[in-house]
PDB file of all heavy atoms in Angstrom:
ATOM      1  N   LEU A   1     131.637 124.643  95.985  1.00  0.00           N
ATOM      2  CA  LEU A   1     131.061 123.842  97.086  1.00  0.00           C
ATOM      3  C   LEU A   1     130.156 124.728  98.016  1.00  0.00           C
ATOM      4  O   LEU A   1     129.112 124.265  98.442  1.00  0.00           O
ATOM      5  CB  LEU A   1     132.156 123.213  97.925  1.00  0.00           C
ATOM      6  CG  LEU A   1     132.997 122.125  97.328  1.00  0.00           C
ATOM      7  CD1 LEU A   1     134.216 121.684  98.183  1.00  0.00           C
ATOM      8  CD2 LEU A   1     132.088 120.918  97.169  1.00  0.00           C
ATOM      9  N   LEU A   2     130.613 125.941  98.225  1.00  0.00           N
ATOM     10  CA  LEU A   2     129.840 126.741  99.205  1.00  0.00           C
ATOM     11  C   LEU A   2     128.452 127.170  98.703  1.00  0.00           C
ATOM     12  O   LEU A   2     127.500 127.103  99.450  1.00  0.00           O
ATOM     13  CB  LEU A   2     130.680 127.978  99.642  1.00  0.00           C
ATOM     14  CG  LEU A   2     131.932 127.589 100.475  1.00  0.00           C
ATOM     15  CD1 LEU A   2     132.834 128.847 100.647  1.00  0.00           C
ATOM     16  CD2 LEU A   2     131.509 127.055 101.844  1.00  0.00           C
ATOM     17  N   PRO A   3     128.362 127.607  97.392  1.00  0.00           N
ATOM     18  CA  PRO A   3     126.964 127.795  96.893  1.00  0.00           C
ATOM     19  C   PRO A   3     126.011 126.612  96.985  1.00  0.00           C
ATOM     20  O   PRO A   3     124.879 126.735  97.184  1.00  0.00           O
ATOM     21  CB  PRO A   3     127.248 128.256  95.505  1.00  0.00           C
ATOM     22  CG  PRO A   3     128.655 128.820  95.468  1.00  0.00           C
ATOM     23  CD  PRO A   3     129.383 127.995  96.432  1.00  0.00           C
ATOM     24  N   ARG A   4     126.621 125.337  96.742  1.00  0.00           N
ATOM     25  CA  ARG A   4     125.897 124.162  96.816  1.00  0.00           C
ATOM     26  C   ARG A   4     125.369 123.951  98.200  1.00  0.00           C
ATOM     27  O   ARG A   4     124.209 123.538  98.483  1.00  0.00           O
ATOM     28  CB  ARG A   4     126.686 123.000  96.310  1.00  0.00           C
ATOM     29  CG  ARG A   4     126.880 122.928  94.831  1.00  0.00           C
ATOM     30  CD  ARG A   4     128.009 121.910  94.511  1.00  0.00           C
ATOM     31  NE  ARG A   4     127.633 120.564  94.880  1.00  0.00           N
ATOM     32  CZ  ARG A   4     128.489 119.547  94.993  1.00  0.00           C
ATOM     33  NH1 ARG A   4     129.714 119.674  94.714  1.00  0.00           N
ATOM     34  NH2 ARG A   4     128.060 118.381  95.368  1.00  0.00           N
ATOM     35  N   LEU A   5     126.157 124.304  99.215  1.00  0.00           N
ATOM     36  CA  LEU A   5     125.734 124.149 100.651  1.00  0.00           C
ATOM     37  C   LEU A   5     124.637 125.125 100.947  1.00  0.00           C
ATOM     38  O   LEU A   5     123.657 124.702 101.591  1.00  0.00           O
ATOM     39  CB  LEU A   5     127.016 124.402 101.565  1.00  0.00           C
ATOM     40  CG  LEU A   5     126.771 124.350 103.023  1.00  0.00           C
ATOM     41  CD1 LEU A   5     126.026 123.059 103.410  1.00  0.00           C
ATOM     42  CD2 LEU A   5     128.054 124.490 103.829  1.00  0.00           C
ATOM     43  N   LEU A   6     124.772 126.335 100.458  1.00  0.00           N
ATOM     44  CA  LEU A   6     123.685 127.365 100.705  1.00  0.00           C
ATOM     45  C   LEU A   6     122.407 126.909  99.981  1.00  0.00           C
ATOM     46  O   LEU A   6     121.311 127.085 100.666  1.00  0.00           O
ATOM     47  CB  LEU A   6     124.117 128.688 100.120  1.00  0.00           C
ATOM     48  CG  LEU A   6     123.162 129.833 100.282  1.00  0.00           C
ATOM     49  CD1 LEU A   6     122.901 130.123 101.682  1.00  0.00           C
ATOM     50  CD2 LEU A   6     123.686 131.030  99.576  1.00  0.00           C
ATOM     51  N   ARG A   7     122.553 126.290  98.827  1.00  0.00           N
ATOM     52  CA  ARG A   7     121.344 125.862  98.063  1.00  0.00           C
ATOM     53  C   ARG A   7     120.685 124.680  98.850  1.00  0.00           C
ATOM     54  O   ARG A   7     119.452 124.715  98.892  1.00  0.00           O
ATOM     55  CB  ARG A   7     121.848 125.426  96.666  1.00  0.00           C
ATOM     56  CG  ARG A   7     120.655 125.111  95.711  1.00  0.00           C
ATOM     57  CD  ARG A   7     121.211 125.048  94.335  1.00  0.00           C
ATOM     58  NE  ARG A   7     120.234 124.574  93.420  1.00  0.00           N
ATOM     59  CZ  ARG A   7     120.181 123.380  92.821  1.00  0.00           C
ATOM     60  NH1 ARG A   7     121.209 122.514  92.996  1.00  0.00           N
ATOM     61  NH2 ARG A   7     119.207 122.991  91.897  1.00  0.00           N
ATOM     62  N   VAL A   8     121.364 123.771  99.370  1.00  0.00           N
ATOM     63  CA  VAL A   8     120.705 122.637 100.104  1.00  0.00           C
ATOM     64  C   VAL A   8     120.177 123.150 101.341  1.00  0.00           C
ATOM     65  O   VAL A   8     119.066 122.727 101.794  1.00  0.00           O
ATOM     66  CB  VAL A   8     121.866 121.556 100.409  1.00  0.00           C
ATOM     67  CG1 VAL A   8     121.360 120.630 101.407  1.00  0.00           C
ATOM     68  CG2 VAL A   8     122.326 120.950  99.186  1.00  0.00           C
ATOM     69  N   SER A   9     120.796 124.099 102.082  1.00  0.00           N
ATOM     70  CA  SER A   9     120.191 124.736 103.287  1.00  0.00           C
ATOM     71  C   SER A   9     118.835 125.324 102.956  1.00  0.00           C
ATOM     72  O   SER A   9     117.927 125.322 103.756  1.00  0.00           O
ATOM     73  CB  SER A   9     121.135 125.735 103.886  1.00  0.00           C
ATOM     74  OG  SER A   9     122.442 125.149 104.172  1.00  0.00           O
ATOM     75  N   GLU A  10     118.817 126.085 101.853  1.00  0.00           N
ATOM     76  CA  GLU A  10     117.661 126.850 101.408  1.00  0.00           C
ATOM     77  C   GLU A  10     116.521 125.775 101.141  1.00  0.00           C
ATOM     78  O   GLU A  10     115.380 126.051 101.417  1.00  0.00           O
ATOM     79  CB  GLU A  10     117.792 127.794 100.234  1.00  0.00           C
ATOM     80  CG  GLU A  10     116.647 128.590  99.868  1.00  0.00           C
ATOM     81  CD  GLU A  10     117.009 129.682  98.815  1.00  0.00           C
ATOM     82  OE1 GLU A  10     118.109 129.501  98.215  1.00  0.00           O
ATOM     83  OE2 GLU A  10     116.223 130.471  98.492  1.00  0.00           O
ATOM     84  N   ALA A  11     116.844 124.761 100.466  1.00  0.00           N
ATOM     85  CA  ALA A  11     115.822 123.718 100.154  1.00  0.00           C
ATOM     86  C   ALA A  11     115.258 123.072 101.422  1.00  0.00           C
ATOM     87  O   ALA A  11     114.024 122.910 101.475  1.00  0.00           O
ATOM     88  CB  ALA A  11     116.514 122.602  99.255  1.00  0.00           C
ATOM     89  N   TYR A  12     116.068 122.825 102.349  1.00  0.00           N
ATOM     90  CA  TYR A  12     115.595 122.281 103.641  1.00  0.00           C
ATOM     91  C   TYR A  12     114.606 123.210 104.297  1.00  0.00           C
ATOM     92  O   TYR A  12     113.533 122.852 104.769  1.00  0.00           O
ATOM     93  CB  TYR A  12     116.713 121.933 104.600  1.00  0.00           C
ATOM     94  CG  TYR A  12     116.265 121.644 105.977  1.00  0.00           C
ATOM     95  CD1 TYR A  12     115.624 120.444 106.227  1.00  0.00           C
ATOM     96  CD2 TYR A  12     116.410 122.596 107.085  1.00  0.00           C
ATOM     97  CE1 TYR A  12     115.124 120.179 107.514  1.00  0.00           C
ATOM     98  CE2 TYR A  12     115.969 122.268 108.297  1.00  0.00           C
ATOM     99  CZ  TYR A  12     115.282 121.099 108.591  1.00  0.00           C
ATOM    100  OH  TYR A  12     114.874 120.761 109.788  1.00  0.00           O
ATOM    101  N   LEU A  13     114.970 124.532 104.274  1.00  0.00           N
ATOM    102  CA  LEU A  13     114.109 125.540 104.891  1.00  0.00           C
ATOM    103  C   LEU A  13     112.715 125.603 104.220  1.00  0.00           C
ATOM    104  O   LEU A  13     111.649 125.649 104.798  1.00  0.00           O
ATOM    105  CB  LEU A  13     114.763 126.931 104.932  1.00  0.00           C
ATOM    106  CG  LEU A  13     113.967 128.086 105.487  1.00  0.00           C
ATOM    107  CD1 LEU A  13     113.528 127.816 106.970  1.00  0.00           C
ATOM    108  CD2 LEU A  13     114.730 129.334 105.413  1.00  0.00           C
ATOM    109  N   ALA A  14     112.806 125.567 102.804  1.00  0.00           N
ATOM    110  CA  ALA A  14     111.618 125.681 102.017  1.00  0.00           C
ATOM    111  C   ALA A  14     110.730 124.489 102.322  1.00  0.00           C
ATOM    112  O   ALA A  14     109.418 124.539 102.409  1.00  0.00           O
ATOM    113  CB  ALA A  14     111.980 125.672 100.574  1.00  0.00           C
ATOM    114  N   LEU A  15     111.267 123.209 102.440  1.00  0.00           N
ATOM    115  CA  LEU A  15     110.547 122.062 102.762  1.00  0.00           C
ATOM    116  C   LEU A  15     109.721 122.197 104.080  1.00  0.00           C
ATOM    117  O   LEU A  15     108.602 121.804 104.234  1.00  0.00           O
ATOM    118  CB  LEU A  15     111.400 120.847 102.732  1.00  0.00           C
ATOM    119  CG  LEU A  15     111.833 120.387 101.401  1.00  0.00           C
ATOM    120  CD1 LEU A  15     112.992 119.259 101.648  1.00  0.00           C
ATOM    121  CD2 LEU A  15     110.790 119.813 100.630  1.00  0.00           C
ATOM    122  N   LYS A  16     110.472 122.784 105.107  1.00  0.00           N
ATOM    123  CA  LYS A  16     109.869 122.907 106.429  1.00  0.00           C
ATOM    124  C   LYS A  16     108.729 124.054 106.332  1.00  0.00           C
ATOM    125  O   LYS A  16     107.771 123.983 107.093  1.00  0.00           O
ATOM    126  CB  LYS A  16     110.868 123.289 107.460  1.00  0.00           C
ATOM    127  CG  LYS A  16     111.773 122.086 107.846  1.00  0.00           C
ATOM    128  CD  LYS A  16     110.939 120.933 108.322  1.00  0.00           C
ATOM    129  CE  LYS A  16     111.701 119.626 108.501  1.00  0.00           C
ATOM    130  NZ  LYS A  16     110.873 118.529 108.827  1.00  0.00           N
ATOM    131  N   GLU A  17     108.957 125.045 105.555  1.00  0.00           N
ATOM    132  CA  GLU A  17     107.917 126.087 105.495  1.00  0.00           C
ATOM    133  C   GLU A  17     106.647 125.498 104.777  1.00  0.00           C
ATOM    134  O   GLU A  17     105.546 125.782 105.232  1.00  0.00           O
ATOM    135  CB  GLU A  17     108.424 127.217 104.465  1.00  0.00           C
ATOM    136  CG  GLU A  17     109.506 128.069 105.167  1.00  0.00           C
ATOM    137  CD  GLU A  17     109.990 129.215 104.153  1.00  0.00           C
ATOM    138  OE1 GLU A  17     110.326 128.861 102.998  1.00  0.00           O
ATOM    139  OE2 GLU A  17     110.245 130.258 104.669  1.00  0.00           O
ATOM    140  N   ILE A  18     106.837 124.587 103.764  1.00  0.00           N
ATOM    141  CA  ILE A  18     105.702 124.036 103.080  1.00  0.00           C
ATOM    142  C   ILE A  18     105.012 123.024 104.169  1.00  0.00           C
ATOM    143  O   ILE A  18     103.790 123.009 104.266  1.00  0.00           O
ATOM    144  CB  ILE A  18     106.220 123.235 101.894  1.00  0.00           C
ATOM    145  CG1 ILE A  18     106.616 124.178 100.789  1.00  0.00           C
ATOM    146  CG2 ILE A  18     105.031 122.334 101.326  1.00  0.00           C
ATOM    147  CD1 ILE A  18     107.375 123.544  99.597  1.00  0.00           C
ATOM    148  N   GLU A  19     105.825 122.326 104.871  1.00  0.00           N
ATOM    149  CA  GLU A  19     105.207 121.355 105.827  1.00  0.00           C
ATOM    150  C   GLU A  19     104.403 122.003 106.875  1.00  0.00           C
ATOM    151  O   GLU A  19     103.255 121.554 107.204  1.00  0.00           O
ATOM    152  CB  GLU A  19     106.310 120.538 106.493  1.00  0.00           C
ATOM    153  CG  GLU A  19     105.818 119.588 107.536  1.00  0.00           C
ATOM    154  CD  GLU A  19     106.994 118.874 108.277  1.00  0.00           C
ATOM    155  OE1 GLU A  19     108.190 119.068 107.964  1.00  0.00           O
ATOM    156  OE2 GLU A  19     106.598 118.140 109.239  1.00  0.00           O
ATOM    157  N   HIS A  20     104.882 123.150 107.433  1.00  0.00           N
ATOM    158  CA  HIS A  20     104.176 123.784 108.529  1.00  0.00           C
ATOM    159  C   HIS A  20     103.301 125.004 108.239  1.00  0.00           C
ATOM    160  O   HIS A  20     102.264 125.204 108.799  1.00  0.00           O
ATOM    161  CB  HIS A  20     105.240 124.198 109.648  1.00  0.00           C
ATOM    162  CG  HIS A  20     105.892 123.049 110.202  1.00  0.00           C
ATOM    163  ND1 HIS A  20     105.399 122.338 111.228  1.00  0.00           N
ATOM    164  CD2 HIS A  20     107.147 122.444 109.971  1.00  0.00           C
ATOM    165  CE1 HIS A  20     106.175 121.302 111.655  1.00  0.00           C
ATOM    166  NE2 HIS A  20     107.303 121.425 110.850  1.00  0.00           N
ATOM    167  N   VAL A  21     103.750 125.797 107.280  1.00  0.00           N
ATOM    168  CA  VAL A  21     102.964 127.011 106.918  1.00  0.00           C
ATOM    169  C   VAL A  21     102.141 126.805 105.620  1.00  0.00           C
ATOM    170  O   VAL A  21     101.019 127.383 105.470  1.00  0.00           O
ATOM    171  CB  VAL A  21     103.901 128.138 106.604  1.00  0.00           C
ATOM    172  CG1 VAL A  21     103.163 129.452 106.306  1.00  0.00           C
ATOM    173  CG2 VAL A  21     104.855 128.319 107.798  1.00  0.00           C
ATOM    174  N   GLY A  22     102.471 125.820 104.791  1.00  0.00           N
ATOM    175  CA  GLY A  22     101.759 125.571 103.587  1.00  0.00           C
ATOM    176  C   GLY A  22     102.323 126.069 102.322  1.00  0.00           C
ATOM    177  O   GLY A  22     101.949 125.499 101.261  1.00  0.00           O
ATOM    178  N   GLN A  23     103.255 126.865 102.374  1.00  0.00           N
ATOM    179  CA  GLN A  23     103.962 127.288 101.208  1.00  0.00           C
ATOM    180  C   GLN A  23     105.342 127.823 101.561  1.00  0.00           C
ATOM    181  O   GLN A  23     105.550 128.309 102.626  1.00  0.00           O
ATOM    182  CB  GLN A  23     103.192 128.332 100.446  1.00  0.00           C
ATOM    183  CG  GLN A  23     102.958 129.640 101.251  1.00  0.00           C
ATOM    184  CD  GLN A  23     102.148 130.671 100.503  1.00  0.00           C
ATOM    185  OE1 GLN A  23     101.527 130.348  99.527  1.00  0.00           O
ATOM    186  NE2 GLN A  23     102.104 131.808 101.078  1.00  0.00           N
ATOM    187  N   ALA A  24     106.233 127.806 100.617  1.00  0.00           N
ATOM    188  CA  ALA A  24     107.616 128.398 100.755  1.00  0.00           C
ATOM    189  C   ALA A  24     107.603 129.838 100.532  1.00  0.00           C
ATOM    190  O   ALA A  24     106.851 130.308  99.647  1.00  0.00           O
ATOM    191  CB  ALA A  24     108.577 127.661  99.822  1.00  0.00           C
ATOM    192  N   SER A  25     108.231 130.622 101.274  1.00  0.00           N
ATOM    193  CA  SER A  25     108.377 132.027 101.075  1.00  0.00           C
ATOM    194  C   SER A  25     109.710 132.368 100.311  1.00  0.00           C
ATOM    195  O   SER A  25     110.404 131.501  99.953  1.00  0.00           O
ATOM    196  CB  SER A  25     108.475 132.770 102.481  1.00  0.00           C
ATOM    197  OG  SER A  25     109.500 132.303 103.186  1.00  0.00           O
ATOM    198  N   ALA A  26     109.685 133.620  99.907  1.00  0.00           N
ATOM    199  CA  ALA A  26     110.854 134.181  99.185  1.00  0.00           C
ATOM    200  C   ALA A  26     111.660 135.138 100.018  1.00  0.00           C
ATOM    201  O   ALA A  26     111.224 135.499 101.061  1.00  0.00           O
ATOM    202  CB  ALA A  26     110.310 134.877  97.900  1.00  0.00           C
ATOM    203  N   GLY A  27     112.896 135.363  99.533  1.00  0.00           N
ATOM    204  CA  GLY A  27     113.760 136.344 100.191  1.00  0.00           C
ATOM    205  C   GLY A  27     114.894 135.655 100.896  1.00  0.00           C
ATOM    206  O   GLY A  27     115.159 134.511 100.634  1.00  0.00           O
ATOM    207  N   ASP A  28     115.583 136.454 101.756  1.00  0.00           N
ATOM    208  CA  ASP A  28     116.805 135.909 102.305  1.00  0.00           C
ATOM    209  C   ASP A  28     116.527 134.826 103.447  1.00  0.00           C
ATOM    210  O   ASP A  28     115.365 134.885 103.931  1.00  0.00           O
ATOM    211  CB  ASP A  28     117.550 137.069 103.016  1.00  0.00           C
ATOM    212  CG  ASP A  28     118.043 138.096 102.033  1.00  0.00           C
ATOM    213  OD1 ASP A  28     118.332 137.704 100.854  1.00  0.00           O
ATOM    214  OD2 ASP A  28     118.283 139.324 102.412  1.00  0.00           O
ATOM    215  N   LEU A  29     117.495 134.076 103.664  1.00  0.00           N
ATOM    216  CA  LEU A  29     117.244 132.991 104.594  1.00  0.00           C
ATOM    217  C   LEU A  29     116.996 133.385 106.009  1.00  0.00           C
ATOM    218  O   LEU A  29     116.078 132.689 106.677  1.00  0.00           O
ATOM    219  CB  LEU A  29     118.445 132.042 104.537  1.00  0.00           C
ATOM    220  CG  LEU A  29     118.693 131.199 103.219  1.00  0.00           C
ATOM    221  CD1 LEU A  29     119.807 130.261 103.414  1.00  0.00           C
ATOM    222  CD2 LEU A  29     117.426 130.428 102.944  1.00  0.00           C
TER     223      LEU A  29
END
């Protein structure tokens, strides 16, 4: 369960990076 929660959190952050910056970045959250 916990890795799935981390994965969903990372997906949300990536979506916001794409929306505002234009692309998702790599590395730690």
